[in-house]
Amino acid sequence: MSGAVAEEMQILLTEAFAPTRLEIINDSAKHSGHMGDDGSGESHFTIHIEAAAFAEMTRLARQRAVITALGDIVGQRVHAVAIKASVPEA
């Protein structure tokens, strides 16, 4: 993880879900020159998040919750985010 947007995502997701695991991977270099690449170096991310808060949610509900927690980042400041949200193993 690096950059201001990635750091902001980490703060927002930590505050919203108190995750036991959070990994934000900047995939922007893989998309250089593609649609959505704004040249900022922070246009595409993969998020791996594990939190007890997801226990009663479907996979789709988890993804929607993550997107909601990120506010205006997804779709306005970041072109694409792949989300892998899970609950901690017992």
Protein backbone atom coordinates (compact mmCIF):
# COMPACT_ATOMS: atom_id res chain seq x y z
CA MET A 1 0.00 0.00 0.00
CA SER A 2 1.22 3.48 -0.79
CA GLY A 3 -0.15 6.87 -1.65
CA ALA A 4 -2.71 9.22 -0.16
CA VAL A 5 -5.78 7.44 -1.55
CA ALA A 6 -4.65 4.04 -0.26
CA GLU A 7 -3.96 5.53 3.18
CA GLU A 8 -7.40 7.17 3.22
CA MET A 9 -9.02 3.85 2.27
CA GLN A 10 -7.17 2.13 5.12
CA ILE A 11 -8.40 4.69 7.65
CA LEU A 12 -12.01 4.57 6.45
CA LEU A 13 -12.18 0.77 6.40
CA THR A 14 -10.50 0.44 9.79
CA GLU A 15 -12.97 2.89 11.33
CA ALA A 16 -15.99 1.24 9.70
CA PHE A 17 -15.19 -2.44 10.29
CA ALA A 18 -12.32 -2.86 12.81
CA PRO A 19 -10.89 -5.57 10.53
CA THR A 20 -8.74 -8.42 11.76
CA ARG A 21 -7.01 -8.33 8.36
CA LEU A 22 -6.80 -5.49 5.88
CA GLU A 23 -4.62 -5.47 2.80
CA ILE A 24 -4.90 -2.79 0.15
CA ILE A 25 -3.01 -3.60 -3.03
CA ASN A 26 -2.35 -0.93 -5.62
CA ASP A 27 -2.92 -2.55 -9.02
CA SER A 28 -2.62 0.68 -10.99
CA ALA A 29 0.66 -0.23 -12.70
CA LYS A 30 -1.08 -3.24 -14.29
CA HIS A 31 -3.60 -0.87 -15.89
CA SER A 32 -1.23 1.81 -17.16
CA GLY A 33 -2.57 3.24 -20.40
CA HIS A 34 -5.93 1.48 -20.02
CA MET A 35 -9.31 3.12 -19.62
CA GLY A 36 -9.59 4.65 -16.17
CA ASP A 37 -5.85 5.21 -15.76
CA ASP A 38 -5.67 8.88 -14.79
CA GLY A 39 -1.89 8.90 -14.42
CA SER A 40 -2.09 9.37 -10.63
CA GLY A 41 -0.77 5.89 -9.90
CA GLU A 42 -3.83 5.30 -7.71
CA SER A 43 -6.60 4.29 -10.08
CA HIS A 44 -7.03 0.52 -9.49
CA PHE A 45 -6.94 -1.40 -6.18
CA THR A 46 -7.64 -4.80 -4.69
CA ILE A 47 -8.88 -4.86 -1.10
CA HIS A 48 -8.68 -7.95 1.10
CA ILE A 49 -10.64 -7.30 4.29
CA GLU A 50 -11.61 -9.69 7.05
CA ALA A 51 -13.97 -8.50 9.79
CA ALA A 52 -16.51 -9.91 12.22
CA ALA A 53 -18.90 -7.19 11.04
CA PHE A 54 -19.43 -9.20 7.84
CA ALA A 55 -20.72 -12.30 9.67
CA GLU A 56 -24.41 -11.89 8.87
CA MET A 57 -23.92 -10.38 5.39
CA THR A 58 -24.05 -11.97 1.97
CA ARG A 59 -21.06 -11.57 -0.33
CA LEU A 60 -22.88 -8.80 -2.21
CA ALA A 61 -23.86 -7.02 1.01
CA ARG A 62 -20.23 -7.11 2.16
CA GLN A 63 -19.05 -5.52 -1.08
CA ARG A 64 -21.74 -2.86 -0.88
CA ALA A 65 -20.79 -2.09 2.74
CA VAL A 66 -17.13 -1.65 1.78
CA ILE A 67 -18.02 0.63 -1.14
CA THR A 68 -20.32 2.68 1.11
CA ALA A 69 -17.57 3.02 3.73
CA LEU A 70 -15.19 4.33 1.05
CA GLY A 71 -17.53 7.23 0.24
CA ASP A 72 -16.61 9.17 -2.89
CA ILE A 73 -13.37 7.29 -3.50
CA VAL A 74 -14.84 4.52 -5.67
CA GLY A 75 -16.09 5.83 -8.98
CA GLN A 76 -14.89 9.37 -8.49
CA ARG A 77 -11.26 9.22 -7.40
CA VAL A 78 -10.53 5.55 -8.11
CA HIS A 79 -11.61 3.84 -11.32
CA ALA A 80 -11.82 0.25 -10.07
CA VAL A 81 -11.73 -1.68 -6.80
CA ALA A 82 -11.78 -5.46 -6.45
CA ILE A 83 -13.13 -6.42 -3.02
CA LYS A 84 -12.53 -9.69 -1.23
CA ALA A 85 -14.43 -9.42 2.07
CA SER A 86 -14.63 -12.29 4.54
CA VAL A 87 -15.21 -13.13 8.20
CA PRO A 88 -12.43 -14.32 10.51
CA GLU A 89 -12.12 -18.08 10.84
CA ALA A 90 -13.01 -19.39 14.27
